[in-house]
Amino acid sequence: MKKDFVSSGRAVSDMKAHLVLVTKYRKKVINQEMLKRLGEIVDNLCTKWDCKLIEFNGEPDHVHLLFQYYPQLELPKFVTNLKSVSSRRLRTEFSEQVNQVYFKAVFWSESYFIASCGGVSVSVLKKYIENQDKPHT
């Protein structure tokens, strides 16, 4: 089984997150062409933030990202930047489609969902830690 560990300085890590961004008012504004372009924008931003985009997909009213990141990444700043840059670019490049749905300079809902994820479940990891050999007295 291949491990996706990354090394930076004195830390070795394997941190992954699942991020869901929802369009403002859950309006179904994202079409296939926009989704493709959004994937390119997200991939580019992940690279700039020293992240690795693992998977990206979405539906007309939301998108899912799975990405790997280093421990020093400030997730809220990354998400804020991702939302603002992608919103600005989509509103510029697809102004006709977006302006039919939104009148103000918005695209994403202010909220988002993010969850850490890894290669094993919490229950497997908990059992592994519980079964460590304790020091003998």
Protein backbone atom coordinates (compact mmCIF):
# COMPACT_ATOMS: atom_id res chain seq x y z
CA MET A 1 0.00 0.00 0.00
CA LYS A 2 1.48 3.35 -1.08
CA LYS A 3 1.65 6.05 1.59
CA ASP A 4 1.14 9.69 0.67
CA PHE A 5 3.36 11.14 3.38
CA VAL A 6 4.89 14.55 2.74
CA SER A 7 7.88 16.01 4.50
CA SER A 8 8.53 19.62 5.43
CA GLY A 9 11.31 20.62 7.79
CA ARG A 10 11.07 18.37 10.82
CA ALA A 11 7.54 17.11 10.23
CA VAL A 12 6.25 14.20 8.20
CA SER A 13 2.51 14.30 7.66
CA ASP A 14 -0.43 12.94 5.73
CA MET A 15 -3.18 15.50 6.22
CA LYS A 16 -6.14 15.52 3.89
CA ALA A 17 -9.38 17.49 3.96
CA HIS A 18 -12.76 17.29 2.26
CA LEU A 19 -14.11 20.77 1.49
CA VAL A 20 -17.60 21.54 0.20
CA LEU A 21 -18.45 24.98 -1.18
CA VAL A 22 -22.08 25.87 -1.84
CA THR A 23 -23.33 28.57 -4.19
CA LYS A 24 -25.13 31.53 -2.61
CA TYR A 25 -28.76 30.60 -1.88
CA ARG A 26 -27.94 27.17 -3.40
CA LYS A 27 -28.71 28.56 -6.84
CA LYS A 28 -28.01 26.05 -9.61
CA VAL A 29 -25.58 28.23 -11.54
CA ILE A 30 -22.61 25.91 -12.21
CA ASN A 31 -22.69 24.34 -15.65
CA GLN A 32 -20.29 21.77 -17.10
CA GLU A 33 -17.97 24.36 -18.65
CA MET A 34 -17.82 26.37 -15.41
CA LEU A 35 -17.13 23.22 -13.39
CA LYS A 36 -14.21 22.33 -15.66
CA ARG A 37 -12.78 25.85 -15.39
CA LEU A 38 -13.36 25.90 -11.64
CA GLY A 39 -11.36 22.67 -11.34
CA GLU A 40 -8.44 24.37 -13.10
CA ILE A 41 -8.71 27.44 -10.85
CA VAL A 42 -8.82 25.28 -7.71
CA ASP A 43 -5.88 23.16 -8.84
CA ASN A 44 -3.84 26.30 -9.53
CA LEU A 45 -4.70 27.80 -6.13
CA CYS A 46 -3.85 24.56 -4.34
CA THR A 47 -0.42 24.62 -5.98
CA LYS A 48 0.10 28.26 -4.93
CA TRP A 49 -0.82 27.36 -1.34
CA ASP A 50 1.49 24.32 -1.40
CA CYS A 51 -1.41 21.86 -1.35
CA LYS A 52 -2.14 18.93 -3.62
CA LEU A 53 -5.60 18.62 -5.17
CA ILE A 54 -6.52 14.94 -5.09
CA GLU A 55 -10.08 15.06 -6.40
CA PHE A 56 -12.54 17.71 -7.55
CA ASN A 57 -16.14 17.47 -8.74
CA GLY A 58 -19.47 19.11 -8.24
CA GLU A 59 -23.09 19.70 -9.11
CA PRO A 60 -24.95 22.82 -10.25
CA ASP A 61 -25.14 24.22 -6.68
CA HIS A 62 -21.98 22.96 -4.93
CA VAL A 63 -18.49 21.54 -5.37
CA HIS A 64 -16.35 19.00 -3.48
CA LEU A 65 -12.57 19.18 -3.09
CA LEU A 66 -10.30 16.57 -1.58
CA PHE A 67 -6.82 17.94 -0.99
CA GLN A 68 -3.64 17.18 0.91
CA TYR A 69 -1.94 19.93 2.90
CA TYR A 70 0.95 20.62 5.26
CA PRO A 71 0.32 21.15 8.99
CA GLN A 72 1.35 24.81 8.77
CA LEU A 73 -1.45 25.69 6.32
CA GLU A 74 -4.00 28.05 7.84
CA LEU A 75 -7.17 26.39 6.56
CA PRO A 76 -9.54 29.36 7.10
CA LYS A 77 -7.24 31.69 5.14
CA PHE A 78 -6.88 29.12 2.37
CA VAL A 79 -10.65 28.62 2.10
CA THR A 80 -11.31 32.39 2.12
CA ASN A 81 -8.75 32.92 -0.65
CA LEU A 82 -10.08 29.97 -2.65
CA LYS A 83 -13.63 31.31 -2.47
CA SER A 84 -12.76 34.92 -3.29
CA VAL A 85 -10.40 34.16 -6.20
CA SER A 86 -12.66 31.51 -7.76
CA SER A 87 -15.73 33.75 -7.37
CA ARG A 88 -13.98 36.70 -9.00
CA ARG A 89 -12.70 34.60 -11.91
CA LEU A 90 -16.00 32.85 -12.54
CA ARG A 91 -17.89 36.16 -12.42
CA THR A 92 -15.42 37.60 -14.94
CA GLU A 93 -15.12 34.62 -17.30
CA PHE A 94 -18.79 33.57 -17.16
CA SER A 95 -20.40 36.94 -16.52
CA GLU A 96 -23.42 36.31 -18.73
CA GLN A 97 -24.40 33.07 -16.94
CA VAL A 98 -23.60 34.32 -13.43
CA ASN A 99 -25.29 37.72 -13.82
CA GLN A 100 -28.54 35.99 -14.79
CA VAL A 101 -28.63 34.50 -11.29
CA TYR A 102 -26.79 37.00 -9.06
CA PHE A 103 -27.03 40.78 -9.11
CA LYS A 104 -24.38 41.52 -6.50
CA ALA A 105 -20.75 40.44 -6.50
CA VAL A 106 -21.41 37.09 -4.85
CA PHE A 107 -21.02 33.51 -5.92
CA TRP A 108 -20.38 31.31 -2.88
CA SER A 109 -22.32 31.07 0.34
CA GLU A 110 -20.45 32.54 3.30
CA SER A 111 -20.44 29.14 4.99
CA TYR A 112 -18.62 25.97 3.99
CA PHE A 113 -18.09 22.40 5.17
CA ILE A 114 -14.65 20.98 5.87
CA ALA A 115 -13.66 17.68 7.44
CA SER A 116 -10.32 16.02 7.97
CA CYS A 117 -9.97 12.59 6.47
CA GLY A 118 -7.35 9.92 6.38
CA GLY A 119 -6.49 6.44 5.27
CA VAL A 120 -8.10 4.65 8.21
CA SER A 121 -11.23 5.16 10.25
CA VAL A 122 -11.14 6.67 13.72
CA SER A 123 -12.19 3.34 15.25
CA VAL A 124 -9.26 1.50 13.60
CA LEU A 125 -6.83 4.20 14.74
CA LYS A 126 -8.27 4.18 18.28
CA LYS A 127 -7.86 0.40 18.49
CA TYR A 128 -4.26 0.67 17.20
CA ILE A 129 -3.40 3.20 19.90
CA GLU A 130 -5.17 1.19 22.61
CA ASN A 131 -3.14 -1.92 21.67
CA GLN A 132 0.29 -0.29 21.96
CA ASP A 133 2.72 -2.08 24.24
CA LYS A 134 2.77 -0.24 27.56
CA PRO A 135 6.10 0.21 29.34
CA HIS A 136 6.79 -2.48 31.90
CA THR A 137 7.12 -1.35 35.51
